[in-house]
Amino acid sequence: MDRLTLQIVLMKIQGYSTHEIARYLKITEKAVYRRMDRLKEKIKKYFNMRGN
């Protein structure tokens, strides 16, 4: 996971909205959603590979 995606995840956990995250990181809201979707897919693949 790259640094920007990690920042997004940590901010989400802290309760920031997608709009707030995008403004703070100077990226679009679409970019926030896209990075979260990619991370979800990576997590799914990881658990599917482990047989869970």
C-alpha atoms as a PDB file:
ATOM      1  CA  MET A   1       0.000   0.000   0.000  1.00  0.00           C
ATOM      2  CA  ASP A   2       1.391   3.388  -0.929  1.00  0.00           C
ATOM      3  CA  ARG A   3       1.630   6.336   1.431  1.00  0.00           C
ATOM      4  CA  LEU A   4      -1.336   8.251  -0.013  1.00  0.00           C
ATOM      5  CA  THR A   5      -3.681   5.274   0.277  1.00  0.00           C
ATOM      6  CA  LEU A   6      -2.521   4.732   3.851  1.00  0.00           C
ATOM      7  CA  GLN A   7      -3.300   8.372   4.658  1.00  0.00           C
ATOM      8  CA  ILE A   8      -6.772   7.964   3.175  1.00  0.00           C
ATOM      9  CA  VAL A   9      -7.450   4.836   5.229  1.00  0.00           C
ATOM     10  CA  LEU A  10      -6.242   6.436   8.451  1.00  0.00           C
ATOM     11  CA  MET A  11      -8.339   9.552   7.844  1.00  0.00           C
ATOM     12  CA  LYS A  12     -11.414   7.397   7.119  1.00  0.00           C
ATOM     13  CA  ILE A  13     -10.859   5.525  10.384  1.00  0.00           C
ATOM     14  CA  GLN A  14     -10.648   8.865  12.185  1.00  0.00           C
ATOM     15  CA  GLY A  15     -14.050   9.811  10.782  1.00  0.00           C
ATOM     16  CA  TYR A  16     -13.164  12.255   8.011  1.00  0.00           C
ATOM     17  CA  SER A  17     -15.557  12.421   5.060  1.00  0.00           C
ATOM     18  CA  THR A  18     -14.435  11.667   1.533  1.00  0.00           C
ATOM     19  CA  HIS A  19     -14.827  15.355   0.702  1.00  0.00           C
ATOM     20  CA  GLU A  20     -12.626  16.386   3.649  1.00  0.00           C
ATOM     21  CA  ILE A  21      -9.964  13.823   2.734  1.00  0.00           C
ATOM     22  CA  ALA A  22      -9.889  14.974  -0.880  1.00  0.00           C
ATOM     23  CA  ARG A  23      -9.529  18.610   0.127  1.00  0.00           C
ATOM     24  CA  TYR A  24      -6.808  17.891   2.690  1.00  0.00           C
ATOM     25  CA  LEU A  25      -4.766  15.692   0.319  1.00  0.00           C
ATOM     26  CA  LYS A  26      -5.447  17.931  -2.710  1.00  0.00           C
ATOM     27  CA  ILE A  27      -6.912  15.133  -4.821  1.00  0.00           C
ATOM     28  CA  THR A  28     -10.389  14.587  -6.246  1.00  0.00           C
ATOM     29  CA  GLU A  29     -13.112  12.735  -4.376  1.00  0.00           C
ATOM     30  CA  LYS A  30     -13.143  10.257  -7.264  1.00  0.00           C
ATOM     31  CA  ALA A  31      -9.454   9.550  -6.614  1.00  0.00           C
ATOM     32  CA  VAL A  32     -10.242   8.824  -2.945  1.00  0.00           C
ATOM     33  CA  TYR A  33     -12.999   6.365  -3.924  1.00  0.00           C
ATOM     34  CA  ARG A  34     -10.787   4.770  -6.597  1.00  0.00           C
ATOM     35  CA  ARG A  35      -7.923   4.180  -4.157  1.00  0.00           C
ATOM     36  CA  MET A  36     -10.294   2.713  -1.560  1.00  0.00           C
ATOM     37  CA  ASP A  37     -11.809   0.404  -4.191  1.00  0.00           C
ATOM     38  CA  ARG A  38      -8.362  -0.794  -5.286  1.00  0.00           C
ATOM     39  CA  LEU A  39      -7.417  -1.483  -1.681  1.00  0.00           C
ATOM     40  CA  LYS A  40     -10.637  -3.445  -1.107  1.00  0.00           C
ATOM     41  CA  GLU A  41      -9.831  -5.599  -4.154  1.00  0.00           C
ATOM     42  CA  LYS A  42      -6.288  -6.262  -2.896  1.00  0.00           C
ATOM     43  CA  ILE A  43      -7.656  -7.286   0.504  1.00  0.00           C
ATOM     44  CA  LYS A  44     -10.237  -9.593  -1.111  1.00  0.00           C
ATOM     45  CA  LYS A  45      -7.547 -11.232  -3.260  1.00  0.00           C
ATOM     46  CA  TYR A  46      -5.324 -11.716  -0.210  1.00  0.00           C
ATOM     47  CA  PHE A  47      -8.029 -13.504   1.752  1.00  0.00           C
ATOM     48  CA  ASN A  48      -9.150 -15.561  -1.257  1.00  0.00           C
ATOM     49  CA  MET A  49      -5.547 -16.754  -1.741  1.00  0.00           C
ATOM     50  CA  ARG A  50      -5.442 -17.836   1.895  1.00  0.00           C
ATOM     51  CA  GLY A  51      -8.645 -19.837   1.509  1.00  0.00           C
ATOM     52  CA  ASN A  52     -10.772 -17.688   3.802  1.00  0.00           C
END
